[in-house]
C-alpha atoms as a PDB file:
ATOM      1  CA  UNK A   1     213.920 129.748 -14.673  1.00  0.00           C
ATOM      2  CA  UNK A   2     210.527 129.302 -12.919  1.00  0.00           C
ATOM      3  CA  UNK A   3     210.032 126.141 -15.004  1.00  0.00           C
ATOM      4  CA  UNK A   4     213.315 124.738 -13.715  1.00  0.00           C
ATOM      5  CA  UNK A   5     212.459 125.557 -10.096  1.00  0.00           C
ATOM      6  CA  UNK A   6     209.098 123.801 -10.455  1.00  0.00           C
ATOM      7  CA  UNK A   7     210.662 120.724 -12.054  1.00  0.00           C
ATOM      8  CA  UNK A   8     213.381 120.395  -9.428  1.00  0.00           C
ATOM      9  CA  UNK A   9     211.554 121.249  -6.234  1.00  0.00           C
ATOM     10  CA  UNK A  10     207.821 120.865  -6.875  1.00  0.00           C
ATOM     11  CA  UNK A  11     207.522 117.865  -9.206  1.00  0.00           C
ATOM     12  CA  UNK A  12     204.298 116.630  -7.577  1.00  0.00           C
ATOM     13  CA  UNK A  13     202.612 120.028  -7.434  1.00  0.00           C
ATOM     14  CA  UNK A  14     200.016 120.823 -10.097  1.00  0.00           C
ATOM     15  CA  UNK A  15     200.137 124.533  -9.355  1.00  0.00           C
ATOM     16  CA  UNK A  16     203.920 124.899  -9.052  1.00  0.00           C
ATOM     17  CA  UNK A  17     205.669 127.180  -6.609  1.00  0.00           C
ATOM     18  CA  UNK A  18     204.639 130.477  -8.238  1.00  0.00           C
ATOM     19  CA  UNK A  19     208.249 131.652  -7.995  1.00  0.00           C
ATOM     20  CA  UNK A  20     209.323 134.575 -10.146  1.00  0.00           C
ATOM     21  CA  UNK A  21     213.052 135.084 -10.390  1.00  0.00           C
ATOM     22  CA  UNK A  22     214.738 138.202 -11.684  1.00  0.00           C
ATOM     23  CA  UNK A  23     218.406 138.311 -12.697  1.00  0.00           C
ATOM     24  CA  UNK A  24     219.695 139.969  -9.533  1.00  0.00           C
ATOM     25  CA  UNK A  25     223.124 138.379 -10.161  1.00  0.00           C
ATOM     26  CA  UNK A  26     223.607 137.563  -6.476  1.00  0.00           C
ATOM     27  CA  UNK A  27     223.094 134.443  -4.379  1.00  0.00           C
ATOM     28  CA  UNK A  28     219.428 134.357  -3.371  1.00  0.00           C
ATOM     29  CA  UNK A  29     217.916 131.853  -0.937  1.00  0.00           C
ATOM     30  CA  UNK A  30     214.533 130.297  -1.626  1.00  0.00           C
ATOM     31  CA  UNK A  31     212.606 128.285   0.942  1.00  0.00           C
ATOM     32  CA  UNK A  32     211.270 125.019  -0.460  1.00  0.00           C
ATOM     33  CA  UNK A  33     208.296 123.842   1.648  1.00  0.00           C
ATOM     34  CA  UNK A  34     209.243 120.631   3.410  1.00  0.00           C
ATOM     35  CA  UNK A  35     212.753 120.501   1.927  1.00  0.00           C
ATOM     36  CA  UNK A  36     214.774 123.380   3.407  1.00  0.00           C
ATOM     37  CA  UNK A  37     216.341 126.152   1.316  1.00  0.00           C
ATOM     38  CA  UNK A  38     218.171 126.387  -1.983  1.00  0.00           C
ATOM     39  CA  UNK A  39     220.599 129.107  -3.032  1.00  0.00           C
ATOM     40  CA  UNK A  40     220.422 130.308  -6.644  1.00  0.00           C
ATOM     41  CA  UNK A  41     222.681 132.745  -8.432  1.00  0.00           C
ATOM     42  CA  UNK A  42     220.923 133.770 -11.647  1.00  0.00           C
ATOM     43  CA  UNK A  43     223.674 135.098 -13.918  1.00  0.00           C
ATOM     44  CA  UNK A  44     221.571 135.481 -17.066  1.00  0.00           C
ATOM     45  CA  UNK A  45     221.836 138.768 -18.944  1.00  0.00           C
ATOM     46  CA  UNK A  46     224.612 139.954 -16.648  1.00  0.00           C
ATOM     47  CA  UNK A  47     226.465 142.937 -18.063  1.00  0.00           C
ATOM     48  CA  UNK A  48     230.143 143.666 -17.677  1.00  0.00           C
ATOM     49  CA  UNK A  49     229.539 145.610 -14.475  1.00  0.00           C
ATOM     50  CA  UNK A  50     227.816 142.607 -12.872  1.00  0.00           C
ATOM     51  CA  UNK A  51     230.420 140.034 -13.947  1.00  0.00           C
ATOM     52  CA  UNK A  52     232.920 141.184 -11.327  1.00  0.00           C
ATOM     53  CA  UNK A  53     230.334 140.771  -8.562  1.00  0.00           C
ATOM     54  CA  UNK A  54     229.298 137.347  -9.895  1.00  0.00           C
ATOM     55  CA  UNK A  55     232.871 136.085  -9.920  1.00  0.00           C
ATOM     56  CA  UNK A  56     233.421 137.410  -6.392  1.00  0.00           C
ATOM     57  CA  UNK A  57     230.279 135.644  -5.156  1.00  0.00           C
ATOM     58  CA  UNK A  58     231.325 132.371  -6.806  1.00  0.00           C
ATOM     59  CA  UNK A  59     234.775 132.556  -5.230  1.00  0.00           C
ATOM     60  CA  UNK A  60     233.245 133.209  -1.830  1.00  0.00           C
ATOM     61  CA  UNK A  61     230.542 130.548  -2.203  1.00  0.00           C
ATOM     62  CA  UNK A  62     231.256 128.110  -5.066  1.00  0.00           C
ATOM     63  CA  UNK A  63     228.301 126.559  -6.838  1.00  0.00           C
ATOM     64  CA  UNK A  64     227.561 122.850  -6.473  1.00  0.00           C
ATOM     65  CA  UNK A  65     226.128 122.633 -10.002  1.00  0.00           C
ATOM     66  CA  UNK A  66     226.091 125.085 -12.915  1.00  0.00           C
ATOM     67  CA  UNK A  67     222.988 125.057 -15.107  1.00  0.00           C
ATOM     68  CA  UNK A  68     223.491 126.396 -18.618  1.00  0.00           C
ATOM     69  CA  UNK A  69     219.968 127.495 -19.491  1.00  0.00           C
ATOM     70  CA  UNK A  70     218.700 127.755 -23.063  1.00  0.00           C
ATOM     71  CA  UNK A  71     215.281 129.236 -23.726  1.00  0.00           C
ATOM     72  CA  UNK A  72     215.099 127.524 -27.111  1.00  0.00           C
ATOM     73  CA  UNK A  73     215.511 130.735 -29.097  1.00  0.00           C
ATOM     74  CA  UNK A  74     218.902 132.229 -28.209  1.00  0.00           C
ATOM     75  CA  UNK A  75     221.907 132.055 -30.508  1.00  0.00           C
ATOM     76  CA  UNK A  76     224.090 129.034 -29.777  1.00  0.00           C
ATOM     77  CA  UNK A  77     226.738 129.874 -32.352  1.00  0.00           C
ATOM     78  CA  UNK A  78     228.344 132.706 -30.392  1.00  0.00           C
ATOM     79  CA  UNK A  79     230.759 132.429 -27.448  1.00  0.00           C
ATOM     80  CA  UNK A  80     229.263 130.696 -24.429  1.00  0.00           C
ATOM     81  CA  UNK A  81     229.140 132.579 -21.147  1.00  0.00           C
ATOM     82  CA  UNK A  82     230.203 129.791 -18.776  1.00  0.00           C
ATOM     83  CA  UNK A  83     231.870 130.733 -15.455  1.00  0.00           C
ATOM     84  CA  UNK A  84     235.486 129.524 -15.242  1.00  0.00           C
ATOM     85  CA  UNK A  85     235.719 126.846 -12.552  1.00  0.00           C
ATOM     86  CA  UNK A  86     235.812 123.084 -12.112  1.00  0.00           C
ATOM     87  CA  UNK A  87     232.115 122.853 -11.209  1.00  0.00           C
ATOM     88  CA  UNK A  88     230.133 120.342 -13.235  1.00  0.00           C
ATOM     89  CA  UNK A  89     227.695 121.703 -15.823  1.00  0.00           C
ATOM     90  CA  UNK A  90     224.226 120.529 -16.848  1.00  0.00           C
ATOM     91  CA  UNK A  91     222.687 121.982 -19.993  1.00  0.00           C
ATOM     92  CA  UNK A  92     218.941 122.673 -19.854  1.00  0.00           C
ATOM     93  CA  UNK A  93     216.759 123.650 -22.793  1.00  0.00           C
ATOM     94  CA  UNK A  94     213.080 124.432 -23.268  1.00  0.00           C
ATOM     95  CA  UNK A  95     213.395 123.719 -26.988  1.00  0.00           C
ATOM     96  CA  UNK A  96     212.856 120.608 -29.074  1.00  0.00           C
ATOM     97  CA  UNK A  97     214.885 117.406 -29.044  1.00  0.00           C
ATOM     98  CA  UNK A  98     216.814 118.799 -32.014  1.00  0.00           C
ATOM     99  CA  UNK A  99     217.555 121.919 -29.992  1.00  0.00           C
ATOM    100  CA  UNK A 100     218.895 119.753 -27.142  1.00  0.00           C
ATOM    101  CA  UNK A 101     221.312 118.138 -29.602  1.00  0.00           C
ATOM    102  CA  UNK A 102     222.422 121.562 -30.817  1.00  0.00           C
ATOM    103  CA  UNK A 103     223.011 122.708 -27.243  1.00  0.00           C
ATOM    104  CA  UNK A 104     225.090 119.632 -26.523  1.00  0.00           C
ATOM    105  CA  UNK A 105     227.213 120.355 -29.595  1.00  0.00           C
ATOM    106  CA  UNK A 106     227.631 123.989 -28.533  1.00  0.00           C
ATOM    107  CA  UNK A 107     228.793 122.896 -25.072  1.00  0.00           C
ATOM    108  CA  UNK A 108     231.343 120.543 -26.601  1.00  0.00           C
ATOM    109  CA  UNK A 109     233.946 123.262 -26.363  1.00  0.00           C
ATOM    110  CA  UNK A 110     237.356 123.560 -24.664  1.00  0.00           C
ATOM    111  CA  UNK A 111     237.182 124.078 -20.872  1.00  0.00           C
ATOM    112  CA  UNK A 112     233.519 123.039 -20.968  1.00  0.00           C
ATOM    113  CA  UNK A 113     233.279 119.525 -22.404  1.00  0.00           C
ATOM    114  CA  UNK A 114     235.149 117.942 -19.498  1.00  0.00           C
ATOM    115  CA  UNK A 115     232.744 119.558 -17.039  1.00  0.00           C
ATOM    116  CA  UNK A 116     229.547 118.757 -18.945  1.00  0.00           C
ATOM    117  CA  UNK A 117     227.460 116.030 -17.296  1.00  0.00           C
ATOM    118  CA  UNK A 118     224.521 115.991 -19.676  1.00  0.00           C
ATOM    119  CA  UNK A 119     221.976 118.069 -21.584  1.00  0.00           C
ATOM    120  CA  UNK A 120     218.322 117.752 -20.550  1.00  0.00           C
ATOM    121  CA  UNK A 121     215.244 118.917 -22.401  1.00  0.00           C
ATOM    122  CA  UNK A 122     212.691 120.372 -19.980  1.00  0.00           C
ATOM    123  CA  UNK A 123     209.344 119.386 -21.449  1.00  0.00           C
ATOM    124  CA  UNK A 124     207.107 118.484 -18.522  1.00  0.00           C
ATOM    125  CA  UNK A 125     207.512 117.680 -14.848  1.00  0.00           C
ATOM    126  CA  UNK A 126     207.177 113.912 -14.906  1.00  0.00           C
ATOM    127  CA  UNK A 127     208.934 113.166 -18.204  1.00  0.00           C
ATOM    128  CA  UNK A 128     211.721 110.623 -18.477  1.00  0.00           C
ATOM    129  CA  UNK A 129     214.196 113.462 -19.087  1.00  0.00           C
ATOM    130  CA  UNK A 130     213.268 115.358 -15.924  1.00  0.00           C
ATOM    131  CA  UNK A 131     213.443 112.145 -13.880  1.00  0.00           C
ATOM    132  CA  UNK A 132     216.909 111.561 -15.317  1.00  0.00           C
ATOM    133  CA  UNK A 133     217.870 115.088 -14.299  1.00  0.00           C
ATOM    134  CA  UNK A 134     216.660 114.530 -10.738  1.00  0.00           C
ATOM    135  CA  UNK A 135     218.559 111.247 -10.469  1.00  0.00           C
ATOM    136  CA  UNK A 136     221.724 112.914 -11.736  1.00  0.00           C
ATOM    137  CA  UNK A 137     221.402 115.731  -9.198  1.00  0.00           C
ATOM    138  CA  UNK A 138     220.862 113.199  -6.410  1.00  0.00           C
ATOM    139  CA  UNK A 139     224.158 111.581  -7.393  1.00  0.00           C
ATOM    140  CA  UNK A 140     226.183 114.764  -7.898  1.00  0.00           C
ATOM    141  CA  UNK A 141     225.082 117.102  -5.105  1.00  0.00           C
ATOM    142  CA  UNK A 142     226.848 117.173  -1.698  1.00  0.00           C
ATOM    143  CA  UNK A 143     225.653 114.799   1.004  1.00  0.00           C
ATOM    144  CA  UNK A 144     223.657 117.442   2.883  1.00  0.00           C
ATOM    145  CA  UNK A 145     221.505 118.013  -0.218  1.00  0.00           C
ATOM    146  CA  UNK A 146     221.576 114.452  -1.549  1.00  0.00           C
ATOM    147  CA  UNK A 147     218.841 113.050   0.716  1.00  0.00           C
ATOM    148  CA  UNK A 148     216.400 115.851  -0.128  1.00  0.00           C
ATOM    149  CA  UNK A 149     216.979 115.402  -3.865  1.00  0.00           C
ATOM    150  CA  UNK A 150     216.434 111.665  -3.506  1.00  0.00           C
ATOM    151  CA  UNK A 151     213.178 112.329  -1.642  1.00  0.00           C
ATOM    152  CA  UNK A 152     211.986 114.760  -4.303  1.00  0.00           C
ATOM    153  CA  UNK A 153     213.085 112.680  -7.285  1.00  0.00           C
ATOM    154  CA  UNK A 154     211.683 109.399  -5.918  1.00  0.00           C
ATOM    155  CA  UNK A 155     214.626 107.716  -7.645  1.00  0.00           C
ATOM    156  CA  UNK A 156     214.031 104.127  -6.563  1.00  0.00           C
ATOM    157  CA  UNK A 157     217.602 102.996  -7.165  1.00  0.00           C
ATOM    158  CA  UNK A 158     219.029 105.877  -5.121  1.00  0.00           C
ATOM    159  CA  UNK A 159     216.442 105.402  -2.368  1.00  0.00           C
ATOM    160  CA  UNK A 160     217.266 101.705  -2.053  1.00  0.00           C
ATOM    161  CA  UNK A 161     220.990 102.456  -2.004  1.00  0.00           C
ATOM    162  CA  UNK A 162     220.689 104.972   0.848  1.00  0.00           C
ATOM    163  CA  UNK A 163     218.267 102.725   2.754  1.00  0.00           C
ATOM    164  CA  UNK A 164     220.692  99.815   2.511  1.00  0.00           C
ATOM    165  CA  UNK A 165     223.522 101.990   3.829  1.00  0.00           C
ATOM    166  CA  UNK A 166     221.320 103.031   6.765  1.00  0.00           C
ATOM    167  CA  UNK A 167     220.336  99.434   7.502  1.00  0.00           C
ATOM    168  CA  UNK A 168     223.919  98.173   7.420  1.00  0.00           C
ATOM    169  CA  UNK A 169     225.231 100.913   9.687  1.00  0.00           C
ATOM    170  CA  UNK A 170     222.377 100.477  12.197  1.00  0.00           C
ATOM    171  CA  UNK A 171     222.798  96.689  12.118  1.00  0.00           C
ATOM    172  CA  UNK A 172     226.505  97.021  12.882  1.00  0.00           C
ATOM    173  CA  UNK A 173     225.845  99.338  15.818  1.00  0.00           C
ATOM    174  CA  UNK A 174     223.102  97.110  17.238  1.00  0.00           C
ATOM    175  CA  UNK A 175     225.307  94.029  16.890  1.00  0.00           C
ATOM    176  CA  UNK A 176     228.059  95.760  18.845  1.00  0.00           C
ATOM    177  CA  UNK A 177     225.636  96.889  21.553  1.00  0.00           C
ATOM    178  CA  UNK A 178     223.975  93.462  21.709  1.00  0.00           C
ATOM    179  CA  UNK A 179     227.333  91.797  22.335  1.00  0.00           C
ATOM    180  CA  UNK A 180     227.721  93.586  25.653  1.00  0.00           C
ATOM    181  CA  UNK A 181     227.424  91.194  28.641  1.00  0.00           C
ATOM    182  CA  UNK A 182     224.943  93.276  30.672  1.00  0.00           C
ATOM    183  CA  UNK A 183     221.525  91.534  30.586  1.00  0.00           C
ATOM    184  CA  UNK A 184     218.496  93.625  29.487  1.00  0.00           C
ATOM    185  CA  UNK A 185     220.348  96.947  29.781  1.00  0.00           C
ATOM    186  CA  UNK A 186     220.701  97.269  26.020  1.00  0.00           C
ATOM    187  CA  UNK A 187     217.025  96.696  25.131  1.00  0.00           C
ATOM    188  CA  UNK A 188     215.937 100.386  25.260  1.00  0.00           C
ATOM    189  CA  UNK A 189     218.962 101.383  23.167  1.00  0.00           C
ATOM    190  CA  UNK A 190     218.376  98.673  20.551  1.00  0.00           C
ATOM    191  CA  UNK A 191     214.689  99.535  20.302  1.00  0.00           C
ATOM    192  CA  UNK A 192     215.423 103.257  19.915  1.00  0.00           C
ATOM    193  CA  UNK A 193     217.980 102.612  17.166  1.00  0.00           C
ATOM    194  CA  UNK A 194     215.573 100.349  15.291  1.00  0.00           C
ATOM    195  CA  UNK A 195     212.812 102.959  15.487  1.00  0.00           C
ATOM    196  CA  UNK A 196     215.188 105.644  14.215  1.00  0.00           C
ATOM    197  CA  UNK A 197     216.236 103.382  11.341  1.00  0.00           C
ATOM    198  CA  UNK A 198     212.639 102.772  10.254  1.00  0.00           C
ATOM    199  CA  UNK A 199     211.775 106.481  10.508  1.00  0.00           C
ATOM    200  CA  UNK A 200     214.846 107.220   8.362  1.00  0.00           C
ATOM    201  CA  UNK A 201     213.648 104.802   5.672  1.00  0.00           C
ATOM    202  CA  UNK A 202     210.232 106.453   5.834  1.00  0.00           C
ATOM    203  CA  UNK A 203     211.864 109.849   5.292  1.00  0.00           C
ATOM    204  CA  UNK A 204     213.904 108.611   2.331  1.00  0.00           C
ATOM    205  CA  UNK A 205     210.698 107.336   0.723  1.00  0.00           C
ATOM    206  CA  UNK A 206     209.261 110.872   0.728  1.00  0.00           C
ATOM    207  CA  UNK A 207     207.075 110.526   3.806  1.00  0.00           C
ATOM    208  CA  UNK A 208     207.403 112.709   6.871  1.00  0.00           C
ATOM    209  CA  UNK A 209     209.633 111.373   9.618  1.00  0.00           C
ATOM    210  CA  UNK A 210     207.501 109.941  12.449  1.00  0.00           C
ATOM    211  CA  UNK A 211     208.832 107.998  15.412  1.00  0.00           C
ATOM    212  CA  UNK A 212     205.314 107.019  16.376  1.00  0.00           C
ATOM    213  CA  UNK A 213     204.526 105.595  12.930  1.00  0.00           C
ATOM    214  CA  UNK A 214     207.878 103.770  12.933  1.00  0.00           C
ATOM    215  CA  UNK A 215     207.095 102.243  16.333  1.00  0.00           C
ATOM    216  CA  UNK A 216     203.664 101.145  15.130  1.00  0.00           C
ATOM    217  CA  UNK A 217     205.196  99.574  12.014  1.00  0.00           C
ATOM    218  CA  UNK A 218     207.695  97.573  14.091  1.00  0.00           C
ATOM    219  CA  UNK A 219     204.894  96.434  16.390  1.00  0.00           C
ATOM    220  CA  UNK A 220     202.810  95.382  13.371  1.00  0.00           C
ATOM    221  CA  UNK A 221     205.681  93.182  12.228  1.00  0.00           C
ATOM    222  CA  UNK A 222     205.624  91.387  15.565  1.00  0.00           C
ATOM    223  CA  UNK A 223     209.122  92.685  16.348  1.00  0.00           C
ATOM    224  CA  UNK A 224     208.037  94.145  19.666  1.00  0.00           C
ATOM    225  CA  UNK A 225     210.038  94.347  22.856  1.00  0.00           C
ATOM    226  CA  UNK A 226     208.711  91.013  24.074  1.00  0.00           C
ATOM    227  CA  UNK A 227     209.912  89.167  20.983  1.00  0.00           C
ATOM    228  CA  UNK A 228     213.240  90.973  21.042  1.00  0.00           C
ATOM    229  CA  UNK A 229     213.742  90.110  24.702  1.00  0.00           C
ATOM    230  CA  UNK A 230     212.892  86.463  24.041  1.00  0.00           C
ATOM    231  CA  UNK A 231     215.403  86.273  21.192  1.00  0.00           C
ATOM    232  CA  UNK A 232     218.080  88.017  23.228  1.00  0.00           C
ATOM    233  CA  UNK A 233     217.644  85.942  26.394  1.00  0.00           C
ATOM    234  CA  UNK A 234     217.376  82.727  24.369  1.00  0.00           C
ATOM    235  CA  UNK A 235     220.760  83.473  22.870  1.00  0.00           C
ATOM    236  CA  UNK A 236     222.125  84.499  26.278  1.00  0.00           C
ATOM    237  CA  UNK A 237     221.117  81.112  27.680  1.00  0.00           C
ATOM    238  CA  UNK A 238     223.685  79.581  25.382  1.00  0.00           C
ATOM    239  CA  UNK A 239     226.401  81.104  27.558  1.00  0.00           C
ATOM    240  CA  UNK A 240     226.270  78.084  29.846  1.00  0.00           C
ATOM    241  CA  UNK A 241     227.056  75.836  26.906  1.00  0.00           C
ATOM    242  CA  UNK A 242     229.244  78.120  24.794  1.00  0.00           C
ATOM    243  CA  UNK A 243     230.925  80.574  27.161  1.00  0.00           C
ATOM    244  CA  UNK A 244     233.350  81.802  24.497  1.00  0.00           C
ATOM    245  CA  UNK A 245     230.729  82.324  21.812  1.00  0.00           C
ATOM    246  CA  UNK A 246     227.889  83.573  24.010  1.00  0.00           C
ATOM    247  CA  UNK A 247     228.378  87.337  23.716  1.00  0.00           C
ATOM    248  CA  UNK A 248     229.154  87.052  20.015  1.00  0.00           C
ATOM    249  CA  UNK A 249     225.913  85.152  19.430  1.00  0.00           C
ATOM    250  CA  UNK A 250     223.938  87.731  21.409  1.00  0.00           C
ATOM    251  CA  UNK A 251     225.356  90.493  19.254  1.00  0.00           C
ATOM    252  CA  UNK A 252     224.682  88.621  16.032  1.00  0.00           C
ATOM    253  CA  UNK A 253     221.083  87.936  17.046  1.00  0.00           C
ATOM    254  CA  UNK A 254     220.550  91.625  17.827  1.00  0.00           C
ATOM    255  CA  UNK A 255     222.090  92.538  14.484  1.00  0.00           C
ATOM    256  CA  UNK A 256     220.012  89.952  12.622  1.00  0.00           C
ATOM    257  CA  UNK A 257     216.791  91.267  14.151  1.00  0.00           C
ATOM    258  CA  UNK A 258     217.695  94.835  13.245  1.00  0.00           C
ATOM    259  CA  UNK A 259     218.584  93.882   9.682  1.00  0.00           C
ATOM    260  CA  UNK A 260     215.287  92.002   9.323  1.00  0.00           C
ATOM    261  CA  UNK A 261     213.321  95.055  10.488  1.00  0.00           C
ATOM    262  CA  UNK A 262     215.221  97.235   8.019  1.00  0.00           C
ATOM    263  CA  UNK A 263     214.548  94.863   5.123  1.00  0.00           C
ATOM    264  CA  UNK A 264     210.844  94.774   5.995  1.00  0.00           C
ATOM    265  CA  UNK A 265     210.703  98.586   6.165  1.00  0.00           C
ATOM    266  CA  UNK A 266     212.423  98.824   2.775  1.00  0.00           C
ATOM    267  CA  UNK A 267     209.947  96.392   1.251  1.00  0.00           C
ATOM    268  CA  UNK A 268     206.969  98.269   2.685  1.00  0.00           C
ATOM    269  CA  UNK A 269     207.966 101.925   2.258  1.00  0.00           C
ATOM    270  CA  UNK A 270     210.110 101.734  -0.891  1.00  0.00           C
ATOM    271  CA  UNK A 271     209.148  98.619  -2.824  1.00  0.00           C
ATOM    272  CA  UNK A 272     205.381  98.863  -2.441  1.00  0.00           C
ATOM    273  CA  UNK A 273     204.906  95.625  -0.506  1.00  0.00           C
ATOM    274  CA  UNK A 274     201.813  95.149   1.613  1.00  0.00           C
ATOM    275  CA  UNK A 275     202.089  94.924   5.396  1.00  0.00           C
ATOM    276  CA  UNK A 276     201.543  91.177   5.161  1.00  0.00           C
ATOM    277  CA  UNK A 277     204.360  90.849   2.613  1.00  0.00           C
ATOM    278  CA  UNK A 278     206.607  93.076   4.735  1.00  0.00           C
ATOM    279  CA  UNK A 279     206.002  90.830   7.728  1.00  0.00           C
ATOM    280  CA  UNK A 280     206.936  87.793   5.637  1.00  0.00           C
ATOM    281  CA  UNK A 281     210.133  89.584   4.601  1.00  0.00           C
ATOM    282  CA  UNK A 282     210.891  90.295   8.257  1.00  0.00           C
ATOM    283  CA  UNK A 283     210.334  86.694   9.363  1.00  0.00           C
ATOM    284  CA  UNK A 284     212.365  85.287   6.474  1.00  0.00           C
ATOM    285  CA  UNK A 285     215.268  87.682   7.064  1.00  0.00           C
ATOM    286  CA  UNK A 286     215.205  87.074  10.824  1.00  0.00           C
ATOM    287  CA  UNK A 287     215.280  83.305  10.428  1.00  0.00           C
ATOM    288  CA  UNK A 288     218.134  83.554   7.945  1.00  0.00           C
ATOM    289  CA  UNK A 289     220.108  85.855  10.242  1.00  0.00           C
ATOM    290  CA  UNK A 290     219.441  83.721  13.306  1.00  0.00           C
ATOM    291  CA  UNK A 291     220.748  80.601  11.559  1.00  0.00           C
ATOM    292  CA  UNK A 292     223.966  82.458  10.717  1.00  0.00           C
ATOM    293  CA  UNK A 293     224.291  83.561  14.345  1.00  0.00           C
ATOM    294  CA  UNK A 294     224.482  79.985  15.623  1.00  0.00           C
ATOM    295  CA  UNK A 295     227.980  78.493  15.510  1.00  0.00           C
ATOM    296  CA  UNK A 296     228.239  75.037  14.012  1.00  0.00           C
ATOM    297  CA  UNK A 297     230.461  72.179  15.163  1.00  0.00           C
ATOM    298  CA  UNK A 298     231.353  69.142  13.182  1.00  0.00           C
END
């Protein structure tokens, strides 16, 4: 069990968490530095007297994932002690690749096979198998735990997916705010939302959330308040020519600028781009969005 805890919650630590778990057969909370807490119910070696308490605890607080742990030496031919529920199961083994195959065959049993997600061989922290396990957990765990697992796993696909969701939602909000007809009043709100978006992308990447660092990144892109104001008021000037489209254009320009900042932050914090490359991504995305914001007439 300590090996599993280290793999899941301290993959970058060379010393591990130095956690020693004993089969107390009750939900136990462990504080993971920088990532909150995790509740673990270790049901190994539970006798008949403890089974009643385990079932009561699981009814009161159902598990999000059940790990079926194999130490590589136990008998897999006997009946499997798997709690009856609909919770998904992941098999974990410390044995060889052959042992992992044997565990998968043992778990291919009635009332278990439909719940089995996969079997993973725990060999070392940064192996392909452990990375696969982390990615699977990031996909299967509830939303409140998903972000932390994505941060720990550094699953690039999952990170990009969450970042894109954040960018789209922030862009939509900024576009709606930017479409309001009150001049300049929305600038502090738009800037605050853009800073929060960048700090969120930073957090997803595994860095600490920092509003100051996010503000400095936006300034380094050249997307400062002065540029934003110029873009906004330039679009607003179109009101005299396109009174029907004016507010819509203002909103689309605000949304385009926000989306461009988000794309640049994704390139820099998640894709490994340099600051210069991130700025190019910002300028390219902003120009593309601004062209879409302008209505065409034939």
